Amino acid sequence: MTNQIAAVIVTFHPLIINIQKLLERLRLQVVSVVIVDNGSHNVKEIEEILVNYPQVTLISLADNFGIGFAQNKGIVFALQNSAIDGVILFDHDSLPEEQMIQKLVEAWKSLTIDGHHLGAVGPIYQDPRTLRNYPISVFRGFRLIHKYPQNKDIKPISASFLISSGCLVHRKTFETAGLMNEDFFIDYIDIEWSFRAYNKGYEMFAIPTAVMWHQVGDDRLKVLGREISVHSPLRRYYLARNSILMLKQPHIHWQYKVRELFYTVSRVVVYIALVPQKRKYLKYILCGWYDGIVSRVGKSRLST
């Protein structure tokens, strides 16, 4: 792994100031940037700011085809053009700290020397609202262990899943494990892909010295000492549907499936009890479960 890395950014109705901040951070960290816009109403504004960024290519999609589809468009373009070693993925509202990518590359080299068969590495994610670090997830048996990295940590943390935004992936991983699952549209895409890569013998690590600001969910609820991300009813549809679709994936371990089946129901019971618009949320969740059972994939009919 060298510094021949391309960045792929997926945008969907972004704040232009956020795109500018992200591009400024990436300007000296990657050889090129590919923006794949998912039918944003302000795509013309994105085009206007790119006159200042000649290393950026914009792929403008006519509609929102989902994050997996957009990521794949960008990944394929980058690997065919400038990304000799690999690709790092970003959401439009993520902001890496300076030198984040260099720290990921250095960690990759060190872990490879130590004998690890790497598929991807990712940063530590900090919530700009709370200034707290998100946990790193490790799946063991029926348990999903959350490791909360501290700012003083420097040792790489082995992870079962990595959030796609900020994730640095070697081209060989994509060639072996495949691209992102476009059927899911949004949610669970990075988890499903992580399982596929793991089944091909790849390891994943979070690098505590590499930090990125990243916001998960619209808000946070605290229940029995644990935080739950608050999403819109439509996002809850995708979470409910894709949790069922995850159970149908042959490469996912049966222990994870048992755990997911239990929590996909229990999480909803707790969630419905705490949020407003209970009937609307319940309707979207039940539609999601049904569509998952009948394998209706892609963009939800509820969003039309």
C-alpha atoms as a PDB file:
ATOM      1  CA  MET A   1       0.000   0.000   0.000  1.00  0.00           C
ATOM      2  CA  THR A   2       1.442   3.354  -1.103  1.00  0.00           C
ATOM      3  CA  ASN A   3      -0.134   6.784  -1.330  1.00  0.00           C
ATOM      4  CA  GLN A   4      -1.768   6.105  -4.696  1.00  0.00           C
ATOM      5  CA  ILE A   5      -5.238   6.377  -3.188  1.00  0.00           C
ATOM      6  CA  ALA A   6      -8.411   7.808  -4.716  1.00  0.00           C
ATOM      7  CA  ALA A   7     -11.321   9.119  -2.662  1.00  0.00           C
ATOM      8  CA  VAL A   8     -14.939   8.363  -3.560  1.00  0.00           C
ATOM      9  CA  ILE A   9     -17.581  10.697  -2.122  1.00  0.00           C
ATOM     10  CA  VAL A  10     -21.304   9.977  -2.394  1.00  0.00           C
ATOM     11  CA  THR A  11     -23.503  13.074  -2.230  1.00  0.00           C
ATOM     12  CA  PHE A  12     -27.245  13.456  -1.754  1.00  0.00           C
ATOM     13  CA  HIS A  13     -28.611  17.000  -1.292  1.00  0.00           C
ATOM     14  CA  PRO A  14     -25.397  18.036   0.491  1.00  0.00           C
ATOM     15  CA  LEU A  15     -24.558  21.323   2.138  1.00  0.00           C
ATOM     16  CA  ILE A  16     -22.069  22.876  -0.267  1.00  0.00           C
ATOM     17  CA  ILE A  17     -19.918  24.156   2.595  1.00  0.00           C
ATOM     18  CA  ASN A  18     -19.498  20.570   3.803  1.00  0.00           C
ATOM     19  CA  ILE A  19     -18.324  19.441   0.363  1.00  0.00           C
ATOM     20  CA  GLN A  20     -15.834  22.297   0.223  1.00  0.00           C
ATOM     21  CA  LYS A  21     -14.436  21.439   3.650  1.00  0.00           C
ATOM     22  CA  LEU A  22     -14.095  17.777   2.695  1.00  0.00           C
ATOM     23  CA  LEU A  23     -12.382  18.562  -0.618  1.00  0.00           C
ATOM     24  CA  GLU A  24      -9.943  20.902   1.111  1.00  0.00           C
ATOM     25  CA  ARG A  25      -8.996  18.148   3.546  1.00  0.00           C
ATOM     26  CA  LEU A  26      -8.558  15.650   0.718  1.00  0.00           C
ATOM     27  CA  ARG A  27      -6.659  17.967  -1.636  1.00  0.00           C
ATOM     28  CA  LEU A  28      -3.198  16.895  -0.443  1.00  0.00           C
ATOM     29  CA  GLN A  29      -4.091  13.427   0.838  1.00  0.00           C
ATOM     30  CA  VAL A  30      -5.232  11.574  -2.314  1.00  0.00           C
ATOM     31  CA  VAL A  31      -4.258  11.493  -5.990  1.00  0.00           C
ATOM     32  CA  SER A  32      -7.815  12.046  -7.169  1.00  0.00           C
ATOM     33  CA  VAL A  33     -11.408  12.399  -6.003  1.00  0.00           C
ATOM     34  CA  VAL A  34     -14.572  10.982  -7.553  1.00  0.00           C
ATOM     35  CA  ILE A  35     -17.880  12.512  -6.474  1.00  0.00           C
ATOM     36  CA  VAL A  36     -20.941  10.438  -7.308  1.00  0.00           C
ATOM     37  CA  ASP A  37     -24.087  12.494  -6.873  1.00  0.00           C
ATOM     38  CA  ASN A  38     -27.314  10.604  -6.212  1.00  0.00           C
ATOM     39  CA  GLY A  39     -29.757  12.970  -7.924  1.00  0.00           C
ATOM     40  CA  SER A  40     -29.267  15.988  -5.655  1.00  0.00           C
ATOM     41  CA  HIS A  41     -31.407  19.075  -6.225  1.00  0.00           C
ATOM     42  CA  ASN A  42     -28.271  21.235  -5.883  1.00  0.00           C
ATOM     43  CA  VAL A  43     -25.937  19.297  -8.178  1.00  0.00           C
ATOM     44  CA  LYS A  44     -25.362  22.494 -10.197  1.00  0.00           C
ATOM     45  CA  GLU A  45     -23.894  24.103  -7.091  1.00  0.00           C
ATOM     46  CA  ILE A  46     -21.551  21.149  -6.717  1.00  0.00           C
ATOM     47  CA  GLU A  47     -20.463  21.580 -10.331  1.00  0.00           C
ATOM     48  CA  GLU A  48     -19.752  25.272  -9.736  1.00  0.00           C
ATOM     49  CA  ILE A  49     -17.296  24.740  -6.877  1.00  0.00           C
ATOM     50  CA  LEU A  50     -15.380  22.025  -8.736  1.00  0.00           C
ATOM     51  CA  VAL A  51     -13.687  24.590 -10.997  1.00  0.00           C
ATOM     52  CA  ASN A  52     -11.312  25.048  -8.046  1.00  0.00           C
ATOM     53  CA  TYR A  53     -10.588  21.314  -7.795  1.00  0.00           C
ATOM     54  CA  PRO A  54      -9.192  19.983 -11.102  1.00  0.00           C
ATOM     55  CA  GLN A  55      -8.396  16.571  -9.576  1.00  0.00           C
ATOM     56  CA  VAL A  56     -12.117  15.972  -8.894  1.00  0.00           C
ATOM     57  CA  THR A  57     -14.406  14.057 -11.269  1.00  0.00           C
ATOM     58  CA  LEU A  58     -18.173  14.405 -10.874  1.00  0.00           C
ATOM     59  CA  ILE A  59     -20.477  11.554 -11.883  1.00  0.00           C
ATOM     60  CA  SER A  60     -24.027  12.898 -11.798  1.00  0.00           C
ATOM     61  CA  LEU A  61     -26.792  10.305 -11.546  1.00  0.00           C
ATOM     62  CA  ALA A  62     -30.292  11.140 -12.739  1.00  0.00           C
ATOM     63  CA  ASP A  63     -31.958   9.853  -9.573  1.00  0.00           C
ATOM     64  CA  ASN A  64     -31.168   8.455  -6.136  1.00  0.00           C
ATOM     65  CA  PHE A  65     -30.096   4.885  -6.850  1.00  0.00           C
ATOM     66  CA  GLY A  66     -28.849   4.200  -3.338  1.00  0.00           C
ATOM     67  CA  ILE A  67     -25.505   4.506  -1.627  1.00  0.00           C
ATOM     68  CA  GLY A  68     -24.284   1.052  -2.696  1.00  0.00           C
ATOM     69  CA  PHE A  69     -24.926   1.787  -6.381  1.00  0.00           C
ATOM     70  CA  ALA A  70     -23.226   5.177  -6.117  1.00  0.00           C
ATOM     71  CA  GLN A  71     -20.246   3.778  -4.228  1.00  0.00           C
ATOM     72  CA  ASN A  72     -19.769   1.101  -6.876  1.00  0.00           C
ATOM     73  CA  LYS A  73     -19.878   3.677  -9.674  1.00  0.00           C
ATOM     74  CA  GLY A  74     -17.144   5.657  -7.965  1.00  0.00           C
ATOM     75  CA  ILE A  75     -15.042   2.639  -6.999  1.00  0.00           C
ATOM     76  CA  VAL A  76     -15.021   1.218 -10.524  1.00  0.00           C
ATOM     77  CA  PHE A  77     -14.170   4.601 -12.051  1.00  0.00           C
ATOM     78  CA  ALA A  78     -11.360   5.202  -9.549  1.00  0.00           C
ATOM     79  CA  LEU A  79      -9.812   1.755  -9.955  1.00  0.00           C
ATOM     80  CA  GLN A  80      -9.880   2.069 -13.740  1.00  0.00           C
ATOM     81  CA  ASN A  81      -8.206   5.467 -13.724  1.00  0.00           C
ATOM     82  CA  SER A  82      -6.024   6.698 -10.859  1.00  0.00           C
ATOM     83  CA  ALA A  83      -6.346   4.463  -7.787  1.00  0.00           C
ATOM     84  CA  ILE A  84      -3.324   2.205  -8.150  1.00  0.00           C
ATOM     85  CA  ASP A  85      -3.548   0.848  -4.610  1.00  0.00           C
ATOM     86  CA  GLY A  86      -7.072   1.406  -3.406  1.00  0.00           C
ATOM     87  CA  VAL A  87     -10.024   3.603  -2.576  1.00  0.00           C
ATOM     88  CA  ILE A  88     -11.180   5.463   0.505  1.00  0.00           C
ATOM     89  CA  LEU A  89     -14.931   6.056   0.816  1.00  0.00           C
ATOM     90  CA  PHE A  90     -16.692   9.110   2.230  1.00  0.00           C
ATOM     91  CA  ASP A  91     -20.196  10.349   2.945  1.00  0.00           C
ATOM     92  CA  HIS A  92     -20.720  13.999   2.034  1.00  0.00           C
ATOM     93  CA  ASP A  93     -21.030  15.076   5.687  1.00  0.00           C
ATOM     94  CA  SER A  94     -17.878  13.360   6.978  1.00  0.00           C
ATOM     95  CA  LEU A  95     -14.725  15.355   7.712  1.00  0.00           C
ATOM     96  CA  PRO A  96     -11.340  13.643   8.144  1.00  0.00           C
ATOM     97  CA  GLU A  97      -8.669  15.281  10.233  1.00  0.00           C
ATOM     98  CA  GLU A  98      -5.514  16.388   8.485  1.00  0.00           C
ATOM     99  CA  GLN A  99      -3.138  13.508   7.688  1.00  0.00           C
ATOM    100  CA  MET A 100      -5.875  10.945   8.440  1.00  0.00           C
ATOM    101  CA  ILE A 101      -5.311   9.053   5.206  1.00  0.00           C
ATOM    102  CA  GLN A 102      -1.534   9.092   5.642  1.00  0.00           C
ATOM    103  CA  LYS A 103      -1.968   7.588   9.109  1.00  0.00           C
ATOM    104  CA  LEU A 104      -4.217   4.877   7.668  1.00  0.00           C
ATOM    105  CA  VAL A 105      -1.625   4.052   5.010  1.00  0.00           C
ATOM    106  CA  GLU A 106       1.194   3.934   7.578  1.00  0.00           C
ATOM    107  CA  ALA A 107      -0.871   1.641   9.800  1.00  0.00           C
ATOM    108  CA  TRP A 108      -1.611  -0.582   6.801  1.00  0.00           C
ATOM    109  CA  LYS A 109       2.104  -0.972   6.067  1.00  0.00           C
ATOM    110  CA  SER A 110       2.893  -1.753   9.719  1.00  0.00           C
ATOM    111  CA  LEU A 111       0.090  -4.311  10.087  1.00  0.00           C
ATOM    112  CA  THR A 112       1.124  -5.996   6.821  1.00  0.00           C
ATOM    113  CA  ILE A 113       4.708  -6.305   8.070  1.00  0.00           C
ATOM    114  CA  ASP A 114       3.310  -7.915  11.228  1.00  0.00           C
ATOM    115  CA  GLY A 115       1.698 -10.599   9.061  1.00  0.00           C
ATOM    116  CA  HIS A 116      -1.916  -9.461   8.907  1.00  0.00           C
ATOM    117  CA  HIS A 117      -3.929 -10.128   5.735  1.00  0.00           C
ATOM    118  CA  LEU A 118      -5.678  -6.777   5.488  1.00  0.00           C
ATOM    119  CA  GLY A 119      -8.841  -6.041   3.590  1.00  0.00           C
ATOM    120  CA  ALA A 120      -9.590  -2.590   4.991  1.00  0.00           C
ATOM    121  CA  VAL A 121      -8.674  -0.118   7.704  1.00  0.00           C
ATOM    122  CA  GLY A 122     -10.713   2.748   9.067  1.00  0.00           C
ATOM    123  CA  PRO A 123     -10.390   5.717  11.430  1.00  0.00           C
ATOM    124  CA  ILE A 124     -11.873   6.412  14.810  1.00  0.00           C
ATOM    125  CA  TYR A 125     -15.208   8.226  14.421  1.00  0.00           C
ATOM    126  CA  GLN A 126     -16.082  11.189  16.605  1.00  0.00           C
ATOM    127  CA  ASP A 127     -19.578  12.656  16.847  1.00  0.00           C
ATOM    128  CA  PRO A 128     -19.378  16.448  16.350  1.00  0.00           C
ATOM    129  CA  ARG A 129     -22.452  16.879  18.558  1.00  0.00           C
ATOM    130  CA  THR A 130     -21.083  15.095  21.626  1.00  0.00           C
ATOM    131  CA  LEU A 131     -17.321  14.975  20.908  1.00  0.00           C
ATOM    132  CA  ARG A 132     -17.488  11.304  21.858  1.00  0.00           C
ATOM    133  CA  ASN A 133     -15.920   8.407  19.977  1.00  0.00           C
ATOM    134  CA  TYR A 134     -18.167   5.834  18.368  1.00  0.00           C
ATOM    135  CA  PRO A 135     -17.503   2.227  19.427  1.00  0.00           C
ATOM    136  CA  ILE A 136     -15.658  -0.322  17.330  1.00  0.00           C
ATOM    137  CA  SER A 137     -17.736  -3.487  16.883  1.00  0.00           C
ATOM    138  CA  VAL A 138     -16.344  -6.987  17.386  1.00  0.00           C
ATOM    139  CA  PHE A 139     -18.597 -10.014  16.897  1.00  0.00           C
ATOM    140  CA  ARG A 140     -17.857 -13.028  19.113  1.00  0.00           C
ATOM    141  CA  GLY A 141     -20.326 -15.902  19.224  1.00  0.00           C
ATOM    142  CA  PHE A 142     -23.716 -14.359  19.964  1.00  0.00           C
ATOM    143  CA  ARG A 143     -22.153 -11.235  21.444  1.00  0.00           C
ATOM    144  CA  LEU A 144     -21.468  -7.925  19.742  1.00  0.00           C
ATOM    145  CA  ILE A 145     -18.739  -6.311  21.812  1.00  0.00           C
ATOM    146  CA  HIS A 146     -18.328  -2.543  21.645  1.00  0.00           C
ATOM    147  CA  LYS A 147     -14.819  -1.223  22.161  1.00  0.00           C
ATOM    148  CA  TYR A 148     -14.708   2.478  22.928  1.00  0.00           C
ATOM    149  CA  PRO A 149     -11.358   3.883  21.801  1.00  0.00           C
ATOM    150  CA  GLN A 150      -9.744   6.533  23.949  1.00  0.00           C
ATOM    151  CA  ASN A 151      -7.815   9.493  22.587  1.00  0.00           C
ATOM    152  CA  LYS A 152      -4.610   8.146  24.160  1.00  0.00           C
ATOM    153  CA  ASP A 153      -4.883   4.794  22.331  1.00  0.00           C
ATOM    154  CA  ILE A 154      -2.361   4.187  19.558  1.00  0.00           C
ATOM    155  CA  LYS A 155      -2.602   0.434  18.975  1.00  0.00           C
ATOM    156  CA  PRO A 156      -4.817  -0.698  16.037  1.00  0.00           C
ATOM    157  CA  ILE A 157      -8.105  -2.269  17.115  1.00  0.00           C
ATOM    158  CA  SER A 158      -9.313  -5.432  15.375  1.00  0.00           C
ATOM    159  CA  ALA A 159     -12.879  -4.917  14.097  1.00  0.00           C
ATOM    160  CA  SER A 160     -15.573  -7.158  12.658  1.00  0.00           C
ATOM    161  CA  PHE A 161     -17.232  -4.249  10.841  1.00  0.00           C
ATOM    162  CA  LEU A 162     -16.081  -0.853   9.643  1.00  0.00           C
ATOM    163  CA  ILE A 163     -18.308   2.093   8.774  1.00  0.00           C
ATOM    164  CA  SER A 164     -17.910   2.651   5.044  1.00  0.00           C
ATOM    165  CA  SER A 165     -17.235   6.382   5.353  1.00  0.00           C
ATOM    166  CA  GLY A 166     -13.520   6.761   6.010  1.00  0.00           C
ATOM    167  CA  CYS A 167     -12.841   3.124   5.134  1.00  0.00           C
ATOM    168  CA  LEU A 168      -9.643   2.546   3.115  1.00  0.00           C
ATOM    169  CA  VAL A 169      -9.927  -0.576   0.954  1.00  0.00           C
ATOM    170  CA  HIS A 170      -7.223  -2.192  -1.147  1.00  0.00           C
ATOM    171  CA  ARG A 171      -8.123  -2.912  -4.765  1.00  0.00           C
ATOM    172  CA  LYS A 172      -7.390  -6.623  -4.211  1.00  0.00           C
ATOM    173  CA  THR A 173     -10.099  -6.757  -1.557  1.00  0.00           C
ATOM    174  CA  PHE A 174     -12.682  -5.512  -4.030  1.00  0.00           C
ATOM    175  CA  GLU A 175     -11.410  -7.954  -6.661  1.00  0.00           C
ATOM    176  CA  THR A 176     -11.738 -10.879  -4.224  1.00  0.00           C
ATOM    177  CA  ALA A 177     -14.716  -9.986  -2.022  1.00  0.00           C
ATOM    178  CA  GLY A 178     -16.681  -7.980  -4.586  1.00  0.00           C
ATOM    179  CA  LEU A 179     -18.237  -4.534  -4.554  1.00  0.00           C
ATOM    180  CA  MET A 180     -21.002  -3.141  -2.362  1.00  0.00           C
ATOM    181  CA  ASN A 181     -24.462  -4.705  -2.262  1.00  0.00           C
ATOM    182  CA  GLU A 182     -26.674  -2.446  -4.379  1.00  0.00           C
ATOM    183  CA  ASP A 183     -29.858  -4.336  -3.420  1.00  0.00           C
ATOM    184  CA  PHE A 184     -29.738  -2.909   0.119  1.00  0.00           C
ATOM    185  CA  PHE A 185     -29.951   0.702  -1.149  1.00  0.00           C
ATOM    186  CA  ILE A 186     -28.841   2.071   2.252  1.00  0.00           C
ATOM    187  CA  ASP A 187     -28.050   0.602   5.706  1.00  0.00           C
ATOM    188  CA  TYR A 188     -26.267  -2.669   6.512  1.00  0.00           C
ATOM    189  CA  ILE A 189     -24.244  -2.275   3.300  1.00  0.00           C
ATOM    190  CA  ASP A 190     -20.921  -1.921   5.098  1.00  0.00           C
ATOM    191  CA  ILE A 191     -21.752  -4.729   7.559  1.00  0.00           C
ATOM    192  CA  GLU A 192     -22.715  -7.173   4.797  1.00  0.00           C
ATOM    193  CA  TRP A 193     -19.589  -6.286   2.809  1.00  0.00           C
ATOM    194  CA  SER A 194     -17.408  -6.707   5.912  1.00  0.00           C
ATOM    195  CA  PHE A 195     -18.762 -10.224   6.391  1.00  0.00           C
ATOM    196  CA  ARG A 196     -17.974 -11.050   2.760  1.00  0.00           C
ATOM    197  CA  ALA A 197     -14.425  -9.774   3.088  1.00  0.00           C
ATOM    198  CA  TYR A 198     -13.953 -11.623   6.370  1.00  0.00           C
ATOM    199  CA  ASN A 199     -15.102 -14.882   4.768  1.00  0.00           C
ATOM    200  CA  LYS A 200     -12.403 -14.394   2.128  1.00  0.00           C
ATOM    201  CA  GLY A 201      -9.788 -14.344   4.867  1.00  0.00           C
ATOM    202  CA  TYR A 202      -9.357 -10.581   5.219  1.00  0.00           C
ATOM    203  CA  GLU A 203      -8.877  -8.708   8.487  1.00  0.00           C
ATOM    204  CA  MET A 204     -10.076  -5.209   9.388  1.00  0.00           C
ATOM    205  CA  PHE A 205      -8.688  -2.726  11.857  1.00  0.00           C
ATOM    206  CA  ALA A 206      -9.665   0.656  13.253  1.00  0.00           C
ATOM    207  CA  ILE A 207      -6.693   3.003  13.661  1.00  0.00           C
ATOM    208  CA  PRO A 208      -6.960   5.219  16.787  1.00  0.00           C
ATOM    209  CA  THR A 209      -4.417   7.766  15.539  1.00  0.00           C
ATOM    210  CA  ALA A 210      -6.599   8.429  12.473  1.00  0.00           C
ATOM    211  CA  VAL A 211      -9.679  10.491  13.381  1.00  0.00           C
ATOM    212  CA  MET A 212     -12.741  11.557  11.414  1.00  0.00           C
ATOM    213  CA  TRP A 213     -15.804  13.599  12.382  1.00  0.00           C
ATOM    214  CA  HIS A 214     -18.906  11.631  11.490  1.00  0.00           C
ATOM    215  CA  GLN A 215     -22.541  11.867  12.579  1.00  0.00           C
ATOM    216  CA  VAL A 216     -24.742   8.751  12.811  1.00  0.00           C
ATOM    217  CA  GLY A 217     -28.505   9.269  12.931  1.00  0.00           C
ATOM    218  CA  ASP A 218     -30.498  12.464  13.236  1.00  0.00           C
ATOM    219  CA  ASP A 219     -30.405  12.406  17.028  1.00  0.00           C
ATOM    220  CA  ARG A 220     -29.505  10.092  19.913  1.00  0.00           C
ATOM    221  CA  LEU A 221     -31.685   8.487  22.589  1.00  0.00           C
ATOM    222  CA  LYS A 222     -30.222   7.004  25.757  1.00  0.00           C
ATOM    223  CA  VAL A 223     -31.921   3.836  27.001  1.00  0.00           C
ATOM    224  CA  LEU A 224     -30.629   1.790  29.943  1.00  0.00           C
ATOM    225  CA  GLY A 225     -27.177   3.261  29.544  1.00  0.00           C
ATOM    226  CA  ARG A 226     -27.037   2.652  25.790  1.00  0.00           C
ATOM    227  CA  GLU A 227     -27.528   5.128  22.969  1.00  0.00           C
ATOM    228  CA  ILE A 228     -29.900   4.537  20.056  1.00  0.00           C
ATOM    229  CA  SER A 229     -29.653   6.470  16.798  1.00  0.00           C
ATOM    230  CA  VAL A 230     -32.863   8.260  15.844  1.00  0.00           C
ATOM    231  CA  HIS A 231     -33.664   7.993  12.145  1.00  0.00           C
ATOM    232  CA  SER A 232     -36.539   9.068   9.923  1.00  0.00           C
ATOM    233  CA  PRO A 233     -39.408   6.602   9.291  1.00  0.00           C
ATOM    234  CA  LEU A 234     -38.015   5.865   5.819  1.00  0.00           C
ATOM    235  CA  ARG A 235     -34.575   5.020   7.197  1.00  0.00           C
ATOM    236  CA  ARG A 236     -36.267   2.754   9.734  1.00  0.00           C
ATOM    237  CA  TYR A 237     -37.920   0.996   6.795  1.00  0.00           C
ATOM    238  CA  TYR A 238     -34.527   0.227   5.279  1.00  0.00           C
ATOM    239  CA  LEU A 239     -33.085  -0.849   8.624  1.00  0.00           C
ATOM    240  CA  ALA A 240     -36.030  -3.209   9.191  1.00  0.00           C
ATOM    241  CA  ARG A 241     -35.991  -4.617   5.642  1.00  0.00           C
ATOM    242  CA  ASN A 242     -32.261  -5.072   5.415  1.00  0.00           C
ATOM    243  CA  SER A 243     -32.049  -6.733   8.811  1.00  0.00           C
ATOM    244  CA  ILE A 244     -34.271  -9.453   7.326  1.00  0.00           C
ATOM    245  CA  LEU A 245     -32.240  -9.561   4.098  1.00  0.00           C
ATOM    246  CA  MET A 246     -29.102 -10.057   6.205  1.00  0.00           C
ATOM    247  CA  LEU A 247     -30.603 -13.279   7.541  1.00  0.00           C
ATOM    248  CA  LYS A 248     -30.740 -14.623   3.983  1.00  0.00           C
ATOM    249  CA  GLN A 249     -27.075 -14.055   3.170  1.00  0.00           C
ATOM    250  CA  PRO A 250     -25.248 -17.416   2.986  1.00  0.00           C
ATOM    251  CA  HIS A 251     -21.868 -15.964   4.007  1.00  0.00           C
ATOM    252  CA  ILE A 252     -23.116 -14.558   7.321  1.00  0.00           C
ATOM    253  CA  HIS A 253     -22.567 -16.707  10.401  1.00  0.00           C
ATOM    254  CA  TRP A 254     -25.651 -18.321  11.922  1.00  0.00           C
ATOM    255  CA  GLN A 255     -24.846 -16.906  15.364  1.00  0.00           C
ATOM    256  CA  TYR A 256     -25.048 -13.384  13.986  1.00  0.00           C
ATOM    257  CA  LYS A 257     -28.366 -14.260  12.334  1.00  0.00           C
ATOM    258  CA  VAL A 258     -29.840 -15.483  15.610  1.00  0.00           C
ATOM    259  CA  ARG A 259     -28.703 -12.334  17.351  1.00  0.00           C
ATOM    260  CA  GLU A 260     -29.989 -10.097  14.560  1.00  0.00           C
ATOM    261  CA  LEU A 261     -33.396 -11.784  14.559  1.00  0.00           C
ATOM    262  CA  PHE A 262     -33.746 -11.178  18.293  1.00  0.00           C
ATOM    263  CA  TYR A 263     -32.576  -7.573  18.209  1.00  0.00           C
ATOM    264  CA  THR A 264     -34.471  -6.530  15.100  1.00  0.00           C
ATOM    265  CA  VAL A 265     -37.656  -7.135  17.095  1.00  0.00           C
ATOM    266  CA  SER A 266     -36.525  -5.930  20.523  1.00  0.00           C
ATOM    267  CA  ARG A 267     -34.981  -2.736  19.146  1.00  0.00           C
ATOM    268  CA  VAL A 268     -38.256  -1.865  17.431  1.00  0.00           C
ATOM    269  CA  VAL A 269     -40.303  -2.388  20.608  1.00  0.00           C
ATOM    270  CA  VAL A 270     -38.039   0.000  22.513  1.00  0.00           C
ATOM    271  CA  TYR A 271     -37.836   2.449  19.608  1.00  0.00           C
ATOM    272  CA  ILE A 272     -41.601   2.705  19.053  1.00  0.00           C
ATOM    273  CA  ALA A 273     -42.096   3.307  22.765  1.00  0.00           C
ATOM    274  CA  LEU A 274     -39.805   6.341  22.725  1.00  0.00           C
ATOM    275  CA  VAL A 275     -40.392   8.224  19.479  1.00  0.00           C
ATOM    276  CA  PRO A 276     -43.296  10.414  18.279  1.00  0.00           C
ATOM    277  CA  GLN A 277     -45.283   9.469  15.144  1.00  0.00           C
ATOM    278  CA  LYS A 278     -45.545   5.929  16.473  1.00  0.00           C
ATOM    279  CA  ARG A 279     -48.091   4.789  13.874  1.00  0.00           C
ATOM    280  CA  LYS A 280     -46.020   6.055  10.972  1.00  0.00           C
ATOM    281  CA  TYR A 281     -42.847   4.459  12.288  1.00  0.00           C
ATOM    282  CA  LEU A 282     -44.669   1.168  12.902  1.00  0.00           C
ATOM    283  CA  LYS A 283     -46.142   1.207   9.385  1.00  0.00           C
ATOM    284  CA  TYR A 284     -42.729   1.729   7.791  1.00  0.00           C
ATOM    285  CA  ILE A 285     -41.088  -0.921   9.949  1.00  0.00           C
ATOM    286  CA  LEU A 286     -43.775  -3.518   9.217  1.00  0.00           C
ATOM    287  CA  CYS A 287     -43.502  -2.752   5.478  1.00  0.00           C
ATOM    288  CA  GLY A 288     -39.757  -3.200   5.790  1.00  0.00           C
ATOM    289  CA  TRP A 289     -40.093  -6.588   7.437  1.00  0.00           C
ATOM    290  CA  TYR A 290     -42.581  -7.721   4.808  1.00  0.00           C
ATOM    291  CA  ASP A 291     -40.403  -6.576   1.921  1.00  0.00           C
ATOM    292  CA  GLY A 292     -37.427  -8.305   3.483  1.00  0.00           C
ATOM    293  CA  ILE A 293     -39.365 -11.562   3.780  1.00  0.00           C
ATOM    294  CA  VAL A 294     -40.482 -11.440   0.127  1.00  0.00           C
ATOM    295  CA  SER A 295     -37.006 -10.216  -0.983  1.00  0.00           C
ATOM    296  CA  ARG A 296     -38.190  -6.902  -2.395  1.00  0.00           C
ATOM    297  CA  VAL A 297     -34.929  -5.004  -2.776  1.00  0.00           C
ATOM    298  CA  GLY A 298     -33.668  -1.648  -4.030  1.00  0.00           C
ATOM    299  CA  LYS A 299     -35.452   1.650  -3.493  1.00  0.00           C
ATOM    300  CA  SER A 300     -38.500   1.529  -1.265  1.00  0.00           C
ATOM    301  CA  ARG A 301     -41.903   2.042  -2.868  1.00  0.00           C
ATOM    302  CA  LEU A 302     -42.712   4.192   0.202  1.00  0.00           C
ATOM    303  CA  SER A 303     -40.253   6.834  -0.997  1.00  0.00           C
ATOM    304  CA  THR A 304     -42.062   7.441  -4.297  1.00  0.00           C
END
